[in-house]
Amino acid sequence: MFYVYLLRSKTFPGQHYIGFTRDLRKRVAVHNAGGSVHTSKYKPWDLIGYHAFADERRAREFEHYLKSGSG
């Protein structure tokens, strides 16, 4: 499965992050451990929601749509 997920910072609730992964639990753990340059300064994070896809292309298109400002 492929996942598009939404995180919200616990420390800075106005900060959100949208991402894509094949292993959701591991990816959230990496964000919370500071292992991502884009999210480390706003850790820790809560997983707000996610969508699961069987098709990688559809998942990446959905992530792009959400990040485009239209989503």
Protein backbone atom coordinates (compact mmCIF):
# COMPACT_ATOMS: atom_id res chain seq x y z
CA MET A 1 0.00 0.00 0.00
CA PHE A 2 0.96 3.64 -0.50
CA TYR A 3 -0.06 6.33 1.96
CA VAL A 4 -0.60 10.08 1.77
CA TYR A 5 -0.68 11.47 5.28
CA LEU A 6 -1.30 14.68 7.19
CA LEU A 7 0.66 15.64 10.29
CA ARG A 8 0.04 18.49 12.74
CA SER A 9 2.74 19.76 15.07
CA LYS A 10 1.98 19.29 18.77
CA THR A 11 4.21 22.23 19.69
CA PHE A 12 3.10 24.55 16.88
CA PRO A 13 -0.52 23.52 16.08
CA GLY A 14 -0.64 25.88 13.09
CA GLN A 15 2.05 23.83 11.32
CA HIS A 16 0.92 20.97 9.08
CA TYR A 17 2.80 18.61 6.80
CA ILE A 18 1.57 16.42 3.95
CA GLY A 19 3.68 13.47 2.92
CA PHE A 20 3.85 10.19 1.00
CA THR A 21 5.21 6.83 2.17
CA ARG A 22 4.97 3.06 1.86
CA ASP A 23 5.47 2.53 5.62
CA LEU A 24 3.29 4.95 7.57
CA ARG A 25 4.31 3.97 11.12
CA LYS A 26 8.02 4.14 10.31
CA ARG A 27 7.66 7.49 8.50
CA VAL A 28 5.79 9.15 11.39
CA ALA A 29 8.47 7.85 13.77
CA VAL A 30 11.18 9.38 11.55
CA HIS A 31 9.38 12.75 11.62
CA ASN A 32 9.07 12.61 15.41
CA ALA A 33 12.73 11.66 15.80
CA GLY A 34 13.82 14.73 13.82
CA GLY A 35 14.96 12.68 10.83
CA SER A 36 13.38 14.96 8.24
CA VAL A 37 14.86 18.37 7.42
CA HIS A 38 11.43 19.76 6.53
CA THR A 39 9.72 18.79 9.78
CA SER A 40 12.39 18.55 12.48
CA LYS A 41 11.96 22.06 13.88
CA TYR A 42 8.24 21.52 14.53
CA LYS A 43 8.38 18.09 16.19
CA PRO A 44 6.69 16.24 17.78
CA TRP A 45 3.89 15.49 15.34
CA ASP A 46 0.40 13.99 15.54
CA LEU A 47 -0.90 11.93 12.66
CA ILE A 48 -4.17 13.66 11.76
CA GLY A 49 -5.23 11.41 8.90
CA TYR A 50 -4.16 9.37 5.93
CA HIS A 51 -5.44 7.85 2.71
CA ALA A 52 -4.28 4.43 1.55
CA PHE A 53 -3.82 3.64 -2.14
CA ALA A 54 -3.05 0.41 -3.95
CA ASP A 55 -1.63 2.39 -6.89
CA GLU A 56 1.53 4.47 -6.36
CA ARG A 57 0.75 6.87 -9.20
CA ARG A 58 -2.65 7.73 -7.74
CA ALA A 59 -1.11 8.27 -4.31
CA ARG A 60 1.54 10.63 -5.67
CA GLU A 61 -1.05 12.52 -7.70
CA PHE A 62 -3.21 12.94 -4.59
CA GLU A 63 -0.22 14.17 -2.55
CA HIS A 64 0.58 16.67 -5.30
CA TYR A 65 -3.05 17.82 -5.38
CA LEU A 66 -3.08 18.42 -1.61
CA LYS A 67 0.21 20.32 -1.73
CA SER A 68 -0.91 22.42 -4.70
CA GLY A 69 -3.21 24.62 -2.66
CA SER A 70 -6.29 23.38 -4.48
CA GLY A 71 -6.67 20.40 -2.17
